[in-house]
Amino acid sequence: NVAANAGVATHTSTWNDLDDWIDNFAFDFNTSNPTKQKTGGTAGVSGGYNWQNGCTLFGVEIDTNWAFGLNDTTTATPFSGPATTLTIKDNVSWWGTARTRTGIVVDNVLLYLTGGLALAEIKHDWTVNDPVISRSEAFSAHKTRWGGVVGGGAEWAFSDQWSLRSEVLYLYFAEDHQSGFSPAGNQTVHFNTQDSMLVGRFAAVYRWGGTP
């Protein structure tokens, strides 16, 4: 089967400043581990194969998807002191999964659970600007992230070849570790970022066989 899908995705990101890098510029940011969420759109294509034994179905599926609007910029300032700013940028450009699924077919409706591998292109940027000492420092992480995915859904076959699908997926990615040298603190600083996505989408599915 092949399918085209569209829906909504929410990206959640938690950044951990493990060495209090921002305190080299100003204290009392209270943002050493901020968590941010951004909701946007997603659209993609998928392909897979299913086996049916009685009312039980097993299948495999691979999909690739574009993300729209999953980019966010947050600026933080300390509670007191000079006008130092911390700017945190996140962006998800695309994501995909390779999954198995299993479910039960009742008449022309399939109810299923699914899980497997996930990957996504995620970029993070962190910049501190201190106008008092005329200094700016920045670090970034830009890579393809691997993780896992679980979810479930339902598929309704309204003809021999066509069906409509709705599903919810939760993607979680391995923690991203970054480090670099900070001249302001004369030290090596370390960061880690935890990312996850919650996706709800609908798909139109074309099947060469007669099963969902």
Protein backbone atom coordinates (compact mmCIF):
# COMPACT_ATOMS: atom_id res chain seq x y z
CA ASN A 1 0.00 0.00 0.00
CA VAL A 2 0.94 3.64 -0.45
CA ALA A 3 -0.50 6.62 1.40
CA ALA A 4 -0.44 10.40 1.60
CA ASN A 5 -0.95 11.96 5.02
CA ALA A 6 -1.38 15.34 6.69
CA GLY A 7 -1.91 16.43 10.26
CA VAL A 8 -0.64 18.29 13.31
CA ALA A 9 2.63 17.81 15.20
CA THR A 10 3.84 19.18 18.54
CA HIS A 11 7.59 19.31 19.24
CA THR A 12 8.71 19.39 22.88
CA SER A 13 12.30 20.31 23.71
CA THR A 14 14.10 20.55 27.07
CA TRP A 15 17.56 22.16 27.13
CA ASN A 16 19.94 21.54 30.03
CA ASP A 17 22.82 23.97 30.70
CA LEU A 18 24.93 21.54 32.70
CA ASP A 19 27.74 23.97 33.65
CA ASP A 20 25.67 27.16 34.14
CA TRP A 21 27.20 28.68 31.02
CA ILE A 22 24.74 31.58 31.04
CA ASP A 23 25.85 32.56 34.57
CA ASN A 24 29.18 33.63 33.06
CA PHE A 25 27.24 36.59 31.68
CA ALA A 26 24.44 37.26 34.18
CA PHE A 27 22.90 35.52 37.17
CA ASP A 28 19.27 34.73 37.89
CA PHE A 29 18.24 33.67 34.41
CA ASN A 30 16.31 30.78 35.96
CA THR A 31 16.46 29.06 32.57
CA SER A 32 19.11 26.37 33.06
CA ASN A 33 16.65 23.74 31.80
CA PRO A 34 13.78 25.43 29.92
CA THR A 35 11.12 23.27 28.29
CA LYS A 36 9.42 24.61 25.18
CA GLN A 37 6.60 23.34 22.97
CA LYS A 38 5.73 24.31 19.42
CA THR A 39 2.79 23.05 17.36
CA GLY A 40 2.79 23.06 13.57
CA GLY A 41 1.76 21.04 10.57
CA THR A 42 3.07 17.88 8.96
CA ALA A 43 2.54 16.16 5.61
CA GLY A 44 4.16 13.14 4.03
CA VAL A 45 4.01 9.87 2.16
CA SER A 46 4.33 6.25 3.23
CA GLY A 47 4.54 2.76 1.85
CA GLY A 48 4.07 -0.64 3.41
CA TYR A 49 2.97 -4.25 3.19
CA ASN A 50 0.35 -6.18 5.19
CA TRP A 51 -0.37 -9.84 5.91
CA GLN A 52 -3.80 -10.94 7.14
CA ASN A 53 -4.59 -14.19 8.91
CA GLY A 54 -8.28 -14.41 9.71
CA CYS A 55 -9.16 -11.22 11.57
CA THR A 56 -5.56 -10.50 12.60
CA LEU A 57 -3.32 -8.25 10.54
CA PHE A 58 0.47 -7.74 10.62
CA GLY A 59 2.31 -5.13 8.60
CA VAL A 60 5.42 -3.02 8.07
CA GLU A 61 5.51 0.62 7.01
CA ILE A 62 8.04 3.35 6.22
CA ASP A 63 7.13 7.02 6.01
CA THR A 64 8.87 10.34 5.43
CA ASN A 65 7.33 13.66 6.37
CA TRP A 66 7.88 17.39 6.13
CA ALA A 67 7.32 19.65 9.13
CA PHE A 68 5.77 23.10 8.85
CA GLY A 69 5.95 25.73 11.56
CA LEU A 70 7.95 23.60 14.01
CA ASN A 71 10.46 26.40 14.51
CA ASP A 72 10.50 28.47 17.67
CA THR A 73 12.59 31.32 19.10
CA THR A 74 12.58 32.22 22.80
CA THR A 75 14.47 35.10 24.39
CA ALA A 76 15.20 35.19 28.13
CA THR A 77 16.67 37.93 30.31
CA PRO A 78 17.88 37.86 33.93
CA PHE A 79 15.60 39.09 36.69
CA SER A 80 17.98 41.95 37.45
CA GLY A 81 21.22 43.43 36.21
CA PRO A 82 22.34 44.39 32.70
CA ALA A 83 20.27 43.70 29.59
CA THR A 84 21.89 40.38 28.82
CA THR A 85 19.79 38.14 26.57
CA LEU A 86 19.71 34.39 26.01
CA THR A 87 18.14 33.37 22.69
CA ILE A 88 17.11 29.74 22.16
CA LYS A 89 16.05 28.56 18.71
CA ASP A 90 14.59 25.16 17.80
CA ASN A 91 13.64 23.83 14.38
CA VAL A 92 12.35 20.49 13.08
CA SER A 93 12.56 20.34 9.27
CA TRP A 94 11.58 16.71 8.54
CA TRP A 95 10.96 13.39 10.28
CA GLY A 96 10.29 9.76 9.43
CA THR A 97 9.60 6.33 10.88
CA ALA A 98 10.10 2.64 10.11
CA ARG A 99 7.43 0.67 11.95
CA THR A 100 5.65 -2.63 12.36
CA ARG A 101 1.96 -2.72 13.15
CA THR A 102 -0.54 -5.32 14.27
CA GLY A 103 -4.27 -5.13 14.70
CA ILE A 104 -7.70 -6.65 14.41
CA VAL A 105 -9.96 -6.39 11.35
CA VAL A 106 -13.68 -6.12 12.07
CA ASP A 107 -15.74 -6.00 8.87
CA ASN A 108 -14.01 -3.23 6.91
CA VAL A 109 -12.35 -1.49 9.89
CA LEU A 110 -8.82 -2.13 11.18
CA LEU A 111 -7.81 -1.17 14.74
CA TYR A 112 -4.06 -1.36 15.25
CA LEU A 113 -1.01 -0.62 17.39
CA THR A 114 2.32 0.35 15.86
CA GLY A 115 5.93 0.93 16.90
CA GLY A 116 9.49 1.05 15.62
CA LEU A 117 12.30 3.47 14.79
CA ALA A 118 12.06 7.23 14.37
CA LEU A 119 14.42 9.86 13.01
CA ALA A 120 14.21 13.61 12.52
CA GLU A 121 16.32 16.56 11.44
CA ILE A 122 16.40 18.83 14.50
CA LYS A 123 18.41 22.01 14.96
CA HIS A 124 19.06 23.91 18.20
CA ASP A 125 20.88 27.23 18.60
CA TRP A 126 21.77 28.99 21.87
CA THR A 127 23.16 32.53 21.88
CA VAL A 128 24.06 34.84 24.76
CA ASN A 129 24.55 38.54 24.08
CA ASP A 130 26.04 40.77 26.79
CA PRO A 131 26.04 44.45 25.72
CA VAL A 132 27.97 45.59 28.81
CA ILE A 133 31.11 43.67 27.92
CA SER A 134 30.28 43.67 24.18
CA ARG A 135 30.50 39.92 23.99
CA SER A 136 28.36 37.31 22.32
CA GLU A 137 28.74 33.52 22.45
CA ALA A 138 26.80 30.88 20.57
CA PHE A 139 26.56 27.11 20.39
CA SER A 140 24.45 24.95 18.13
CA ALA A 141 23.43 21.36 17.48
CA HIS A 142 22.27 20.34 14.02
CA LYS A 143 21.99 16.66 13.23
CA THR A 144 19.73 13.78 12.33
CA ARG A 145 18.39 12.35 15.57
CA TRP A 146 17.41 8.72 16.09
CA GLY A 147 14.84 7.35 18.49
CA GLY A 148 11.70 5.29 18.80
CA VAL A 149 8.01 5.65 18.00
CA VAL A 150 4.81 4.12 19.38
CA GLY A 151 1.22 4.76 18.50
CA GLY A 152 -2.09 3.45 17.30
CA GLY A 153 -4.88 4.13 14.89
CA ALA A 154 -7.85 3.02 12.86
CA GLU A 155 -8.32 2.42 9.14
CA TRP A 156 -11.62 2.23 7.28
CA ALA A 157 -11.72 0.48 3.90
CA PHE A 158 -14.51 2.11 1.89
CA SER A 159 -13.66 0.22 -1.33
CA ASP A 160 -11.51 -2.70 -2.47
CA GLN A 161 -8.48 -0.46 -3.04
CA TRP A 162 -9.05 2.69 -0.98
CA SER A 163 -9.20 3.38 2.73
CA LEU A 164 -8.98 6.29 5.17
CA ARG A 165 -6.65 6.17 8.17
CA SER A 166 -6.32 8.17 11.36
CA GLU A 167 -3.48 7.64 13.80
CA VAL A 168 -1.57 9.14 16.71
CA LEU A 169 2.20 8.70 17.06
CA TYR A 170 4.60 9.57 19.88
CA LEU A 171 8.24 9.97 18.84
CA TYR A 172 11.06 10.14 21.39
CA PHE A 173 14.70 10.77 20.53
CA ALA A 174 18.02 9.89 22.13
CA GLU A 175 19.41 12.69 24.28
CA ASP A 176 21.68 15.03 22.33
CA HIS A 177 24.98 15.95 24.03
CA GLN A 178 27.00 19.00 22.99
CA SER A 179 30.07 20.72 24.41
CA GLY A 180 32.31 23.64 23.56
CA PHE A 181 34.72 26.18 25.00
CA SER A 182 33.33 29.38 26.52
CA PRO A 183 35.85 32.27 26.54
CA ALA A 184 33.63 34.21 28.95
CA GLY A 185 34.01 31.53 31.60
CA ASN A 186 37.37 30.21 30.40
CA GLN A 187 35.90 26.71 30.60
CA THR A 188 34.46 23.88 28.57
CA VAL A 189 30.68 23.86 28.88
CA HIS A 190 28.29 20.99 28.28
CA PHE A 191 24.67 20.86 27.19
CA ASN A 192 22.12 18.16 26.54
CA THR A 193 18.75 18.39 24.84
CA GLN A 194 15.77 16.07 25.11
CA ASP A 195 13.30 16.10 22.22
CA SER A 196 9.98 14.41 21.54
CA MET A 197 7.07 14.81 19.13
CA LEU A 198 3.35 14.05 19.31
CA VAL A 199 1.70 13.62 15.91
CA GLY A 200 -1.96 13.29 14.98
CA ARG A 201 -2.73 12.78 11.29
CA PHE A 202 -5.10 11.47 8.64
CA ALA A 203 -4.13 9.56 5.50
CA ALA A 204 -5.64 8.39 2.25
CA VAL A 205 -4.40 4.87 1.48
CA TYR A 206 -4.33 2.98 -1.83
CA ARG A 207 -3.99 -0.81 -1.55
CA TRP A 208 -3.13 -3.32 -4.21
CA GLY A 209 -4.65 -6.11 -2.13
CA GLY A 210 -8.02 -6.33 -0.46
CA THR A 211 -6.94 -5.87 3.20
CA PRO A 212 -6.29 -2.64 5.11
